[in-house]
PDB file of N, CA and C in Angstrom:
ATOM      1  N   GLN A   1     -18.447-158.309   0.035  1.00  0.00           N
ATOM      2  CA  GLN A   1     -17.717-157.204  -0.561  1.00  0.00           C
ATOM      3  C   GLN A   1     -17.455-157.499  -2.034  1.00  0.00           C
ATOM      4  N   VAL A   2     -17.609-156.482  -2.851  1.00  0.00           N
ATOM      5  CA  VAL A   2     -17.386-156.618  -4.284  1.00  0.00           C
ATOM      6  C   VAL A   2     -16.352-155.604  -4.706  1.00  0.00           C
ATOM      7  N   GLN A   3     -15.454-156.025  -5.543  1.00  0.00           N
ATOM      8  CA  GLN A   3     -14.479-155.110  -6.130  1.00  0.00           C
ATOM      9  C   GLN A   3     -14.695-155.039  -7.635  1.00  0.00           C
ATOM     10  N   LEU A   4     -14.752-153.813  -8.126  1.00  0.00           N
ATOM     11  CA  LEU A   4     -14.912-153.569  -9.553  1.00  0.00           C
ATOM     12  C   LEU A   4     -13.747-152.717 -10.022  1.00  0.00           C
ATOM     13  N   VAL A   5     -13.083-153.157 -11.076  1.00  0.00           N
ATOM     14  CA  VAL A   5     -11.924-152.435 -11.587  1.00  0.00           C
ATOM     15  C   VAL A   5     -12.120-152.164 -13.070  1.00  0.00           C
ATOM     16  N   GLU A   6     -12.237-150.877 -13.405  1.00  0.00           N
ATOM     17  CA  GLU A   6     -12.407-150.493 -14.812  1.00  0.00           C
ATOM     18  C   GLU A   6     -11.056-150.302 -15.492  1.00  0.00           C
ATOM     19  N   SER A   7     -11.049-150.484 -16.780  1.00  0.00           N
ATOM     20  CA  SER A   7      -9.865-150.206 -17.584  1.00  0.00           C
ATOM     21  C   SER A   7     -10.312-149.907 -19.010  1.00  0.00           C
ATOM     22  N   GLY A   8      -9.383-149.389 -19.810  1.00  0.00           N
ATOM     23  CA  GLY A   8      -9.665-149.158 -21.211  1.00  0.00           C
ATOM     24  C   GLY A   8      -9.920-147.718 -21.603  1.00  0.00           C
ATOM     25  N   GLY A   9      -9.956-146.830 -20.627  1.00  0.00           N
ATOM     26  CA  GLY A   9     -10.153-145.429 -20.966  1.00  0.00           C
ATOM     27  C   GLY A   9      -8.919-144.836 -21.631  1.00  0.00           C
ATOM     28  N   GLY A  10      -9.079-143.611 -22.113  1.00  0.00           N
ATOM     29  CA  GLY A  10      -7.951-142.939 -22.745  1.00  0.00           C
ATOM     30  C   GLY A  10      -8.398-141.760 -23.567  1.00  0.00           C
ATOM     31  N   LEU A  11      -7.483-141.297 -24.395  1.00  0.00           N
ATOM     32  CA  LEU A  11      -7.713-140.142 -25.269  1.00  0.00           C
ATOM     33  C   LEU A  11      -7.928-140.647 -26.689  1.00  0.00           C
ATOM     34  N   VAL A  12      -8.993-140.191 -27.307  1.00  0.00           N
ATOM     35  CA  VAL A  12      -9.308-140.618 -28.669  1.00  0.00           C
ATOM     36  C   VAL A  12      -9.884-139.439 -29.433  1.00  0.00           C
ATOM     37  N   GLN A  13      -9.713-139.445 -30.738  1.00  0.00           N
ATOM     38  CA  GLN A  13     -10.258-138.375 -31.566  1.00  0.00           C
ATOM     39  C   GLN A  13     -11.746-138.620 -31.851  1.00  0.00           C
ATOM     40  N   THR A  14     -12.416-137.562 -32.197  1.00  0.00           N
ATOM     41  CA  THR A  14     -13.820-137.669 -32.597  1.00  0.00           C
ATOM     42  C   THR A  14     -13.984-138.715 -33.693  1.00  0.00           C
ATOM     43  N   GLY A  15     -14.971-139.578 -33.510  1.00  0.00           N
ATOM     44  CA  GLY A  15     -15.210-140.648 -34.458  1.00  0.00           C
ATOM     45  C   GLY A  15     -14.499-141.946 -34.137  1.00  0.00           C
ATOM     46  N   GLY A  16     -13.615-141.904 -33.162  1.00  0.00           N
ATOM     47  CA  GLY A  16     -12.862-143.086 -32.795  1.00  0.00           C
ATOM     48  C   GLY A  16     -13.633-144.025 -31.885  1.00  0.00           C
ATOM     49  N   SER A  17     -12.961-145.080 -31.460  1.00  0.00           N
ATOM     50  CA  SER A  17     -13.594-146.114 -30.636  1.00  0.00           C
ATOM     51  C   SER A  17     -12.718-146.451 -29.438  1.00  0.00           C
ATOM     52  N   LEU A  18     -13.378-146.882 -28.390  1.00  0.00           N
ATOM     53  CA  LEU A  18     -12.715-147.426 -27.212  1.00  0.00           C
ATOM     54  C   LEU A  18     -13.569-148.562 -26.675  1.00  0.00           C
ATOM     55  N   ARG A  19     -12.923-149.502 -26.004  1.00  0.00           N
ATOM     56  CA  ARG A  19     -13.673-150.534 -25.302  1.00  0.00           C
ATOM     57  C   ARG A  19     -13.274-150.510 -23.834  1.00  0.00           C
ATOM     58  N   LEU A  20     -14.245-150.245 -22.995  1.00  0.00           N
ATOM     59  CA  LEU A  20     -14.022-150.271 -21.560  1.00  0.00           C
ATOM     60  C   LEU A  20     -14.305-151.662 -21.022  1.00  0.00           C
ATOM     61  N   SER A  21     -13.530-152.041 -20.021  1.00  0.00           N
ATOM     62  CA  SER A  21     -13.737-153.319 -19.340  1.00  0.00           C
ATOM     63  C   SER A  21     -13.903-153.060 -17.851  1.00  0.00           C
ATOM     64  N   CYS A  22     -14.667-153.922 -17.225  1.00  0.00           N
ATOM     65  CA  CYS A  22     -14.858-153.845 -15.779  1.00  0.00           C
ATOM     66  C   CYS A  22     -14.769-155.266 -15.233  1.00  0.00           C
ATOM     67  N   ALA A  23     -13.699-155.535 -14.501  1.00  0.00           N
ATOM     68  CA  ALA A  23     -13.488-156.861 -13.913  1.00  0.00           C
ATOM     69  C   ALA A  23     -14.050-156.876 -12.503  1.00  0.00           C
ATOM     70  N   ALA A  24     -14.850-157.889 -12.214  1.00  0.00           N
ATOM     71  CA  ALA A  24     -15.527-157.984 -10.924  1.00  0.00           C
ATOM     72  C   ALA A  24     -15.002-159.160 -10.115  1.00  0.00           C
ATOM     73  N   SER A  25     -14.980-158.983  -8.804  1.00  0.00           N
ATOM     74  CA  SER A  25     -14.609-160.074  -7.912  1.00  0.00           C
ATOM     75  C   SER A  25     -15.329-159.895  -6.596  1.00  0.00           C
ATOM     76  N   GLY A  26     -15.486-160.974  -5.870  1.00  0.00           N
ATOM     77  CA  GLY A  26     -16.001-160.893  -4.511  1.00  0.00           C
ATOM     78  C   GLY A  26     -17.427-161.326  -4.315  1.00  0.00           C
ATOM     79  N   ARG A  27     -18.243-161.316  -5.325  1.00  0.00           N
ATOM     80  CA  ARG A  27     -19.636-161.774  -5.196  1.00  0.00           C
ATOM     81  C   ARG A  27     -19.970-162.516  -6.470  1.00  0.00           C
ATOM     82  N   THR A  28     -21.003-163.300  -6.458  1.00  0.00           N
ATOM     83  CA  THR A  28     -21.372-164.037  -7.655  1.00  0.00           C
ATOM     84  C   THR A  28     -21.773-163.053  -8.748  1.00  0.00           C
ATOM     85  N   PHE A  29     -20.842-162.792  -9.631  1.00  0.00           N
ATOM     86  CA  PHE A  29     -21.025-161.808 -10.685  1.00  0.00           C
ATOM     87  C   PHE A  29     -22.217-162.145 -11.546  1.00  0.00           C
ATOM     88  N   SER A  30     -22.384-163.412 -11.825  1.00  0.00           N
ATOM     89  CA  SER A  30     -23.410-163.832 -12.779  1.00  0.00           C
ATOM     90  C   SER A  30     -24.826-163.641 -12.258  1.00  0.00           C
ATOM     91  N   SER A  31     -25.013-163.297 -11.006  1.00  0.00           N
ATOM     92  CA  SER A  31     -26.353-163.096 -10.462  1.00  0.00           C
ATOM     93  C   SER A  31     -26.694-161.622 -10.293  1.00  0.00           C
ATOM     94  N   SER A  32     -25.857-160.742 -10.804  1.00  0.00           N
ATOM     95  CA  SER A  32     -26.070-159.299 -10.651  1.00  0.00           C
ATOM     96  C   SER A  32     -26.207-158.602 -11.981  1.00  0.00           C
ATOM     97  N   GLY A  33     -27.109-157.621 -12.024  1.00  0.00           N
ATOM     98  CA  GLY A  33     -27.127-156.733 -13.165  1.00  0.00           C
ATOM     99  C   GLY A  33     -25.918-155.816 -13.111  1.00  0.00           C
ATOM    100  N   MET A  34     -25.444-155.368 -14.263  1.00  0.00           N
ATOM    101  CA  MET A  34     -24.266-154.505 -14.325  1.00  0.00           C
ATOM    102  C   MET A  34     -24.580-153.281 -15.163  1.00  0.00           C
ATOM    103  N   GLY A  35     -24.078-152.142 -14.709  1.00  0.00           N
ATOM    104  CA  GLY A  35     -24.328-150.913 -15.433  1.00  0.00           C
ATOM    105  C   GLY A  35     -23.071-150.097 -15.627  1.00  0.00           C
ATOM    106  N   TRP A  36     -23.121-149.227 -16.602  1.00  0.00           N
ATOM    107  CA  TRP A  36     -22.081-148.221 -16.827  1.00  0.00           C
ATOM    108  C   TRP A  36     -22.712-146.846 -16.647  1.00  0.00           C
ATOM    109  N   PHE A  37     -21.997-146.006 -15.944  1.00  0.00           N
ATOM    110  CA  PHE A  37     -22.393-144.619 -15.727  1.00  0.00           C
ATOM    111  C   PHE A  37     -21.244-143.726 -16.145  1.00  0.00           C
ATOM    112  N   ARG A  38     -21.527-142.444 -16.306  1.00  0.00           N
ATOM    113  CA  ARG A  38     -20.456-141.490 -16.585  1.00  0.00           C
ATOM    114  C   ARG A  38     -20.739-140.179 -15.879  1.00  0.00           C
ATOM    115  N   GLU A  39     -19.662-139.486 -15.598  1.00  0.00           N
ATOM    116  CA  GLU A  39     -19.765-138.183 -14.925  1.00  0.00           C
ATOM    117  C   GLU A  39     -18.825-137.209 -15.617  1.00  0.00           C
ATOM    118  N   ALA A  40     -19.412-136.261 -16.302  1.00  0.00           N
ATOM    119  CA  ALA A  40     -18.621-135.220 -16.951  1.00  0.00           C
ATOM    120  C   ALA A  40     -18.362-134.090 -15.977  1.00  0.00           C
ATOM    121  N   LEU A  41     -17.331-133.332 -16.243  1.00  0.00           N
ATOM    122  CA  LEU A  41     -16.946-132.236 -15.357  1.00  0.00           C
ATOM    123  C   LEU A  41     -18.106-131.259 -15.184  1.00  0.00           C
ATOM    124  N   GLY A  42     -18.492-131.034 -13.951  1.00  0.00           N
ATOM    125  CA  GLY A  42     -19.558-130.085 -13.671  1.00  0.00           C
ATOM    126  C   GLY A  42     -20.960-130.614 -13.864  1.00  0.00           C
ATOM    127  N   LYS A  43     -21.077-131.896 -14.184  1.00  0.00           N
ATOM    128  CA  LYS A  43     -22.398-132.475 -14.412  1.00  0.00           C
ATOM    129  C   LYS A  43     -22.649-133.636 -13.456  1.00  0.00           C
ATOM    130  N   GLU A  44     -23.902-133.999 -13.319  1.00  0.00           N
ATOM    131  CA  GLU A  44     -24.250-135.129 -12.471  1.00  0.00           C
ATOM    132  C   GLU A  44     -23.916-136.445 -13.171  1.00  0.00           C
ATOM    133  N   ARG A  45     -23.685-137.461 -12.350  1.00  0.00           N
ATOM    134  CA  ARG A  45     -23.444-138.785 -12.893  1.00  0.00           C
ATOM    135  C   ARG A  45     -24.709-139.269 -13.600  1.00  0.00           C
ATOM    136  N   GLU A  46     -24.541-139.840 -14.780  1.00  0.00           N
ATOM    137  CA  GLU A  46     -25.695-140.309 -15.528  1.00  0.00           C
ATOM    138  C   GLU A  46     -25.520-141.764 -15.960  1.00  0.00           C
ATOM    139  N   PHE A  47     -26.652-142.425 -16.052  1.00  0.00           N
ATOM    140  CA  PHE A  47     -26.691-143.803 -16.536  1.00  0.00           C
ATOM    141  C   PHE A  47     -26.355-143.816 -18.022  1.00  0.00           C
ATOM    142  N   VAL A  48     -25.500-144.747 -18.418  1.00  0.00           N
ATOM    143  CA  VAL A  48     -25.147-144.894 -19.829  1.00  0.00           C
ATOM    144  C   VAL A  48     -25.750-146.162 -20.410  1.00  0.00           C
ATOM    145  N   ALA A  49     -25.521-147.290 -19.728  1.00  0.00           N
ATOM    146  CA  ALA A  49     -26.001-148.563 -20.247  1.00  0.00           C
ATOM    147  C   ALA A  49     -26.093-149.567 -19.110  1.00  0.00           C
ATOM    148  N   GLY A  50     -26.969-150.546 -19.275  1.00  0.00           N
ATOM    149  CA  GLY A  50     -27.098-151.601 -18.279  1.00  0.00           C
ATOM    150  C   GLY A  50     -27.451-152.913 -18.946  1.00  0.00           C
ATOM    151  N   VAL A  51     -27.054-153.994 -18.303  1.00  0.00           N
ATOM    152  CA  VAL A  51     -27.330-155.325 -18.835  1.00  0.00           C
ATOM    153  C   VAL A  51     -27.722-156.231 -17.685  1.00  0.00           C
ATOM    154  N   ASN A  52     -28.686-157.109 -17.911  1.00  0.00           N
ATOM    155  CA  ASN A  52     -29.140-157.944 -16.808  1.00  0.00           C
ATOM    156  C   ASN A  52     -28.165-159.098 -16.561  1.00  0.00           C
ATOM    157  N   TRP A  53     -28.516-159.907 -15.591  1.00  0.00           N
ATOM    158  CA  TRP A  53     -27.584-160.914 -15.085  1.00  0.00           C
ATOM    159  C   TRP A  53     -27.181-161.935 -16.139  1.00  0.00           C
ATOM    160  N   ARG A  54     -28.020-162.157 -17.133  1.00  0.00           N
ATOM    161  CA  ARG A  54     -27.697-163.154 -18.157  1.00  0.00           C
ATOM    162  C   ARG A  54     -27.205-162.523 -19.454  1.00  0.00           C
ATOM    163  N   GLY A  55     -27.032-161.202 -19.430  1.00  0.00           N
ATOM    164  CA  GLY A  55     -26.518-160.550 -20.627  1.00  0.00           C
ATOM    165  C   GLY A  55     -27.585-160.038 -21.567  1.00  0.00           C
ATOM    166  N   GLY A  56     -28.834-160.134 -21.159  1.00  0.00           N
ATOM    167  CA  GLY A  56     -29.913-159.657 -22.014  1.00  0.00           C
ATOM    168  C   GLY A  56     -30.476-158.344 -21.520  1.00  0.00           C
ATOM    169  N   ALA A  57     -31.557-157.910 -22.185  1.00  0.00           N
ATOM    170  CA  ALA A  57     -32.295-156.714 -21.768  1.00  0.00           C
ATOM    171  C   ALA A  57     -31.388-155.509 -21.614  1.00  0.00           C
ATOM    172  N   ALA A  58     -30.521-155.267 -22.593  1.00  0.00           N
ATOM    173  CA  ALA A  58     -29.632-154.115 -22.511  1.00  0.00           C
ATOM    174  C   ALA A  58     -30.429-152.814 -22.638  1.00  0.00           C
ATOM    175  N   LEU A  59     -30.074-151.859 -21.815  1.00  0.00           N
ATOM    176  CA  LEU A  59     -30.695-150.538 -21.839  1.00  0.00           C
ATOM    177  C   LEU A  59     -29.628-149.492 -22.085  1.00  0.00           C
ATOM    178  N   TYR A  60     -29.985-148.423 -22.787  1.00  0.00           N
ATOM    179  CA  TYR A  60     -29.040-147.361 -23.097  1.00  0.00           C
ATOM    180  C   TYR A  60     -29.719-146.009 -22.934  1.00  0.00           C
ATOM    181  N   THR A  61     -28.930-145.034 -22.532  1.00  0.00           N
ATOM    182  CA  THR A  61     -29.429-143.678 -22.576  1.00  0.00           C
ATOM    183  C   THR A  61     -29.510-143.250 -24.032  1.00  0.00           C
ATOM    184  N   ASP A  62     -30.429-142.366 -24.332  1.00  0.00           N
ATOM    185  CA  ASP A  62     -30.704-142.020 -25.733  1.00  0.00           C
ATOM    186  C   ASP A  62     -29.471-141.517 -26.483  1.00  0.00           C
ATOM    187  N   SER A  63     -28.616-140.794 -25.811  1.00  0.00           N
ATOM    188  CA  SER A  63     -27.485-140.162 -26.499  1.00  0.00           C
ATOM    189  C   SER A  63     -26.439-141.145 -26.995  1.00  0.00           C
ATOM    190  N   VAL A  64     -26.478-142.396 -26.521  1.00  0.00           N
ATOM    191  CA  VAL A  64     -25.469-143.372 -26.949  1.00  0.00           C
ATOM    192  C   VAL A  64     -26.063-144.515 -27.762  1.00  0.00           C
ATOM    193  N   LYS A  65     -27.356-144.537 -27.924  1.00  0.00           N
ATOM    194  CA  LYS A  65     -27.995-145.619 -28.682  1.00  0.00           C
ATOM    195  C   LYS A  65     -27.456-145.667 -30.112  1.00  0.00           C
ATOM    196  N   GLY A  66     -27.124-146.861 -30.551  1.00  0.00           N
ATOM    197  CA  GLY A  66     -26.574-147.039 -31.878  1.00  0.00           C
ATOM    198  C   GLY A  66     -25.073-146.849 -31.959  1.00  0.00           C
ATOM    199  N   ARG A  67     -24.464-146.346 -30.894  1.00  0.00           N
ATOM    200  CA  ARG A  67     -23.008-146.132 -30.883  1.00  0.00           C
ATOM    201  C   ARG A  67     -22.309-146.995 -29.836  1.00  0.00           C
ATOM    202  N   PHE A  68     -22.954-147.207 -28.703  1.00  0.00           N
ATOM    203  CA  PHE A  68     -22.358-147.970 -27.601  1.00  0.00           C
ATOM    204  C   PHE A  68     -23.043-149.333 -27.488  1.00  0.00           C
ATOM    205  N   THR A  69     -22.274-150.322 -27.071  1.00  0.00           N
ATOM    206  CA  THR A  69     -22.818-151.658 -26.836  1.00  0.00           C
ATOM    207  C   THR A  69     -22.274-152.204 -25.524  1.00  0.00           C
ATOM    208  N   ILE A  70     -23.181-152.600 -24.656  1.00  0.00           N
ATOM    209  CA  ILE A  70     -22.779-153.226 -23.401  1.00  0.00           C
ATOM    210  C   ILE A  70     -22.887-154.740 -23.554  1.00  0.00           C
ATOM    211  N   SER A  71     -21.927-155.442 -22.969  1.00  0.00           N
ATOM    212  CA  SER A  71     -21.955-156.897 -22.990  1.00  0.00           C
ATOM    213  C   SER A  71     -21.261-157.409 -21.744  1.00  0.00           C
ATOM    214  N   ARG A  72     -21.403-158.695 -21.490  1.00  0.00           N
ATOM    215  CA  ARG A  72     -20.756-159.270 -20.320  1.00  0.00           C
ATOM    216  C   ARG A  72     -20.323-160.690 -20.616  1.00  0.00           C
ATOM    217  N   ASP A  73     -19.312-161.106 -19.890  1.00  0.00           N
ATOM    218  CA  ASP A  73     -18.795-162.470 -19.969  1.00  0.00           C
ATOM    219  C   ASP A  73     -18.810-163.023 -18.547  1.00  0.00           C
ATOM    220  N   ASN A  74     -19.768-163.889 -18.262  1.00  0.00           N
ATOM    221  CA  ASN A  74     -19.913-164.402 -16.895  1.00  0.00           C
ATOM    222  C   ASN A  74     -18.857-165.440 -16.531  1.00  0.00           C
ATOM    223  N   VAL A  75     -18.120-165.907 -17.501  1.00  0.00           N
ATOM    224  CA  VAL A  75     -16.992-166.802 -17.204  1.00  0.00           C
ATOM    225  C   VAL A  75     -15.790-165.974 -16.750  1.00  0.00           C
ATOM    226  N   LYS A  76     -15.581-164.857 -17.408  1.00  0.00           N
ATOM    227  CA  LYS A  76     -14.459-163.977 -17.063  1.00  0.00           C
ATOM    228  C   LYS A  76     -14.831-162.949 -15.999  1.00  0.00           C
ATOM    229  N   ASN A  77     -16.091-162.934 -15.563  1.00  0.00           N
ATOM    230  CA  ASN A  77     -16.545-161.949 -14.564  1.00  0.00           C
ATOM    231  C   ASN A  77     -16.235-160.531 -15.011  1.00  0.00           C
ATOM    232  N   THR A  78     -16.540-160.249 -16.259  1.00  0.00           N
ATOM    233  CA  THR A  78     -16.197-158.950 -16.834  1.00  0.00           C
ATOM    234  C   THR A  78     -17.383-158.397 -17.629  1.00  0.00           C
ATOM    235  N   VAL A  79     -17.585-157.107 -17.504  1.00  0.00           N
ATOM    236  CA  VAL A  79     -18.570-156.423 -18.326  1.00  0.00           C
ATOM    237  C   VAL A  79     -17.833-155.411 -19.200  1.00  0.00           C
ATOM    238  N   TYR A  80     -18.323-155.231 -20.404  1.00  0.00           N
ATOM    239  CA  TYR A  80     -17.654-154.381 -21.382  1.00  0.00           C
ATOM    240  C   TYR A  80     -18.589-153.269 -21.853  1.00  0.00           C
ATOM    241  N   LEU A  81     -17.970-152.200 -22.318  1.00  0.00           N
ATOM    242  CA  LEU A  81     -18.708-151.149 -22.991  1.00  0.00           C
ATOM    243  C   LEU A  81     -17.927-150.781 -24.241  1.00  0.00           C
ATOM    244  N   GLN A  82     -18.427-151.219 -25.377  1.00  0.00           N
ATOM    245  CA  GLN A  82     -17.826-150.860 -26.659  1.00  0.00           C
ATOM    246  C   GLN A  82     -18.398-149.523 -27.090  1.00  0.00           C
ATOM    247  N   MET A  83     -17.516-148.564 -27.301  1.00  0.00           N
ATOM    248  CA  MET A  83     -17.944-147.221 -27.640  1.00  0.00           C
ATOM    249  C   MET A  83     -17.408-146.852 -29.013  1.00  0.00           C
ATOM    250  N   ASN A  84     -18.291-146.645 -29.957  1.00  0.00           N
ATOM    251  CA  ASN A  84     -17.928-146.280 -31.319  1.00  0.00           C
ATOM    252  C   ASN A  84     -18.436-144.881 -31.635  1.00  0.00           C
ATOM    253  N   SER A  85     -17.910-144.320 -32.711  1.00  0.00           N
ATOM    254  CA  SER A  85     -18.332-142.983 -33.165  1.00  0.00           C
ATOM    255  C   SER A  85     -18.337-141.992 -32.014  1.00  0.00           C
ATOM    256  N   LEU A  86     -17.263-141.962 -31.282  1.00  0.00           N
ATOM    257  CA  LEU A  86     -17.197-141.119 -30.089  1.00  0.00           C
ATOM    258  C   LEU A  86     -17.248-139.642 -30.438  1.00  0.00           C
ATOM    259  N   LYS A  87     -17.870-138.899 -29.541  1.00  0.00           N
ATOM    260  CA  LYS A  87     -18.041-137.454 -29.716  1.00  0.00           C
ATOM    261  C   LYS A  87     -17.419-136.732 -28.525  1.00  0.00           C
ATOM    262  N   PRO A  88     -17.059-135.474 -28.678  1.00  0.00           N
ATOM    263  CA  PRO A  88     -16.508-134.727 -27.533  1.00  0.00           C
ATOM    264  C   PRO A  88     -17.436-134.744 -26.324  1.00  0.00           C
ATOM    265  N   GLU A  89     -18.719-134.766 -26.525  1.00  0.00           N
ATOM    266  CA  GLU A  89     -19.665-134.784 -25.399  1.00  0.00           C
ATOM    267  C   GLU A  89     -19.692-136.117 -24.655  1.00  0.00           C
ATOM    268  N   ASP A  90     -18.977-137.116 -25.167  1.00  0.00           N
ATOM    269  CA  ASP A  90     -18.830-138.379 -24.435  1.00  0.00           C
ATOM    270  C   ASP A  90     -17.705-138.309 -23.412  1.00  0.00           C
ATOM    271  N   THR A  91     -16.954-137.229 -23.422  1.00  0.00           N
ATOM    272  CA  THR A  91     -15.856-137.065 -22.476  1.00  0.00           C
ATOM    273  C   THR A  91     -16.388-137.070 -21.046  1.00  0.00           C
ATOM    274  N   ALA A  92     -15.840-137.969 -20.227  1.00  0.00           N
ATOM    275  CA  ALA A  92     -16.305-138.118 -18.853  1.00  0.00           C
ATOM    276  C   ALA A  92     -15.467-139.191 -18.164  1.00  0.00           C
ATOM    277  N   VAL A  93     -15.660-139.292 -16.865  1.00  0.00           N
ATOM    278  CA  VAL A  93     -15.169-140.458 -16.129  1.00  0.00           C
ATOM    279  C   VAL A  93     -16.269-141.508 -16.182  1.00  0.00           C
ATOM    280  N   TYR A  94     -15.903-142.698 -16.597  1.00  0.00           N
ATOM    281  CA  TYR A  94     -16.870-143.785 -16.735  1.00  0.00           C
ATOM    282  C   TYR A  94     -16.706-144.762 -15.568  1.00  0.00           C
ATOM    283  N   TYR A  95     -17.846-145.109 -14.982  1.00  0.00           N
ATOM    284  CA  TYR A  95     -17.874-146.012 -13.837  1.00  0.00           C
ATOM    285  C   TYR A  95     -18.719-147.237 -14.154  1.00  0.00           C
ATOM    286  N   CYS A  96     -18.276-148.387 -13.680  1.00  0.00           N
ATOM    287  CA  CYS A  96     -19.172-149.538 -13.712  1.00  0.00           C
ATOM    288  C   CYS A  96     -19.716-149.763 -12.306  1.00  0.00           C
ATOM    289  N   ALA A  97     -20.865-150.400 -12.269  1.00  0.00           N
ATOM    290  CA  ALA A  97     -21.516-150.645 -10.989  1.00  0.00           C
ATOM    291  C   ALA A  97     -22.352-151.908 -11.091  1.00  0.00           C
ATOM    292  N   CYS A  98     -22.532-152.576  -9.961  1.00  0.00           N
ATOM    293  CA  CYS A  98     -23.383-153.765  -9.961  1.00  0.00           C
ATOM    294  C   CYS A  98     -24.605-153.525  -9.086  1.00  0.00           C
ATOM    295  N   THR A  99     -25.681-154.151  -9.474  1.00  0.00           N
ATOM    296  CA  THR A  99     -26.937-153.947  -8.774  1.00  0.00           C
ATOM    297  C   THR A  99     -27.120-154.977  -7.671  1.00  0.00           C
ATOM    298  N   ALA A 100     -28.052-154.683  -6.802  1.00  0.00           N
ATOM    299  CA  ALA A 100     -28.407-155.619  -5.745  1.00  0.00           C
ATOM    300  C   ALA A 100     -29.281-156.743  -6.289  1.00  0.00           C
ATOM    301  N   GLY A 101     -29.817-156.577  -7.484  1.00  0.00           N
ATOM    302  CA  GLY A 101     -30.660-157.584  -8.109  1.00  0.00           C
ATOM    303  C   GLY A 101     -30.099-158.024  -9.429  1.00  0.00           C
ATOM    304  N   ILE A 102     -30.989-158.521 -10.275  1.00  0.00           N
ATOM    305  CA  ILE A 102     -30.548-159.088 -11.539  1.00  0.00           C
ATOM    306  C   ILE A 102     -30.742-158.142 -12.723  1.00  0.00           C
ATOM    307  N   VAL A 103     -31.418-157.034 -12.473  1.00  0.00           N
ATOM    308  CA  VAL A 103     -31.714-156.075 -13.533  1.00  0.00           C
ATOM    309  C   VAL A 103     -30.852-154.836 -13.356  1.00  0.00           C
ATOM    310  N   ALA A 104     -30.412-154.259 -14.446  1.00  0.00           N
ATOM    311  CA  ALA A 104     -29.605-153.038 -14.389  1.00  0.00           C
ATOM    312  C   ALA A 104     -30.288-151.949 -15.203  1.00  0.00           C
ATOM    313  N   ALA A 105     -31.183-151.239 -14.570  1.00  0.00           N
ATOM    314  CA  ALA A 105     -31.897-150.130 -15.198  1.00  0.00           C
ATOM    315  C   ALA A 105     -31.402-148.823 -14.588  1.00  0.00           C
ATOM    316  N   PRO A 106     -31.771-147.696 -15.188  1.00  0.00           N
ATOM    317  CA  PRO A 106     -31.266-146.415 -14.662  1.00  0.00           C
ATOM    318  C   PRO A 106     -31.534-146.218 -13.170  1.00  0.00           C
ATOM    319  N   HIS A 107     -32.680-146.661 -12.680  1.00  0.00           N
ATOM    320  CA  HIS A 107     -33.029-146.403 -11.284  1.00  0.00           C
ATOM    321  C   HIS A 107     -32.934-147.642 -10.415  1.00  0.00           C
ATOM    322  N   SER A 108     -32.221-148.653 -10.886  1.00  0.00           N
ATOM    323  CA  SER A 108     -31.963-149.823 -10.043  1.00  0.00           C
ATOM    324  C   SER A 108     -31.058-149.413  -8.891  1.00  0.00           C
ATOM    325  N   LYS A 109     -31.035-150.233  -7.875  1.00  0.00           N
ATOM    326  CA  LYS A 109     -30.152-149.967  -6.731  1.00  0.00           C
ATOM    327  C   LYS A 109     -28.768-150.545  -7.029  1.00  0.00           C
ATOM    328  N   TYR A 110     -27.803-149.680  -7.196  1.00  0.00           N
ATOM    329  CA  TYR A 110     -26.429-150.085  -7.469  1.00  0.00           C
ATOM    330  C   TYR A 110     -25.668-150.001  -6.149  1.00  0.00           C
ATOM    331  N   ASP A 111     -25.146-151.125  -5.702  1.00  0.00           N
ATOM    332  CA  ASP A 111     -24.546-151.103  -4.374  1.00  0.00           C
ATOM    333  C   ASP A 111     -23.030-151.158  -4.365  1.00  0.00           C
ATOM    334  N   TYR A 112     -22.410-151.379  -5.497  1.00  0.00           N
ATOM    335  CA  TYR A 112     -20.952-151.331  -5.572  1.00  0.00           C
ATOM    336  C   TYR A 112     -20.529-150.607  -6.859  1.00  0.00           C
ATOM    337  N   TRP A 113     -19.454-149.839  -6.710  1.00  0.00           N
ATOM    338  CA  TRP A 113     -18.967-149.013  -7.814  1.00  0.00           C
ATOM    339  C   TRP A 113     -17.477-149.198  -7.995  1.00  0.00           C
ATOM    340  N   GLY A 114     -17.024-149.071  -9.233  1.00  0.00           N
ATOM    341  CA  GLY A 114     -15.597-149.040  -9.491  1.00  0.00           C
ATOM    342  C   GLY A 114     -15.035-147.653  -9.256  1.00  0.00           C
ATOM    343  N   GLN A 115     -13.743-147.518  -9.493  1.00  0.00           N
ATOM    344  CA  GLN A 115     -13.067-146.246  -9.222  1.00  0.00           C
ATOM    345  C   GLN A 115     -13.143-145.281 -10.399  1.00  0.00           C
ATOM    346  N   GLY A 116     -13.551-145.783 -11.546  1.00  0.00           N
ATOM    347  CA  GLY A 116     -13.719-144.934 -12.720  1.00  0.00           C
ATOM    348  C   GLY A 116     -12.521-144.952 -13.650  1.00  0.00           C
ATOM    349  N   THR A 117     -12.797-144.700 -14.918  1.00  0.00           N
ATOM    350  CA  THR A 117     -11.744-144.567 -15.914  1.00  0.00           C
ATOM    351  C   THR A 117     -12.074-143.387 -16.814  1.00  0.00           C
ATOM    352  N   GLN A 118     -11.069-142.572 -17.089  1.00  0.00           N
ATOM    353  CA  GLN A 118     -11.281-141.339 -17.843  1.00  0.00           C
ATOM    354  C   GLN A 118     -11.333-141.620 -19.342  1.00  0.00           C
ATOM    355  N   VAL A 119     -12.346-141.076 -19.982  1.00  0.00           N
ATOM    356  CA  VAL A 119     -12.455-141.102 -21.442  1.00  0.00           C
ATOM    357  C   VAL A 119     -12.462-139.654 -21.915  1.00  0.00           C
ATOM    358  N   THR A 120     -11.552-139.327 -22.802  1.00  0.00           N
ATOM    359  CA  THR A 120     -11.471-137.976 -23.349  1.00  0.00           C
ATOM    360  C   THR A 120     -11.523-138.058 -24.867  1.00  0.00           C
ATOM    361  N   VAL A 121     -12.475-137.343 -25.449  1.00  0.00           N
ATOM    362  CA  VAL A 121     -12.645-137.337 -26.901  1.00  0.00           C
ATOM    363  C   VAL A 121     -12.297-135.946 -27.406  1.00  0.00           C
ATOM    364  N   SER A 122     -11.276-135.870 -28.212  1.00  0.00           N
ATOM    365  CA  SER A 122     -10.830-134.574 -28.727  1.00  0.00           C
ATOM    366  C   SER A 122     -11.553-134.243 -30.034  1.00  0.00           C
ATOM    367  N   SER A 123     -11.765-132.942 -30.239  1.00  0.00           N
ATOM    368  CA  SER A 123     -12.486-132.522 -31.442  1.00  0.00           C
ATOM    369  C   SER A 123     -11.524-132.214 -32.569  1.00  0.00           C
TER     370      SER A 123
END
């Protein structure tokens, strides 16, 4: 069993920044790929970013490239999503998830999910 707990969401103005954190427990965190997803109201959940088990091979959806950075700390069992230059269209519930393998790509198998944290960007 794996538990993922997100934090760091909130309300921010356009152009602002937030850093999301996802603390993991219950399985060897360092052997799993980790991803961030988001779900906006009325839309399907979409992949935002992923990082492999050693912190490399970061992948991003096109809309966040150059603005968001995913990273992980395998000592603290935590994955982060630094979000800069936020836009109203980034408003969503953000979820972290861990993969069954070491890679975190959009279509990887994610077998555990956090409860989500709300990010709201005002215009």
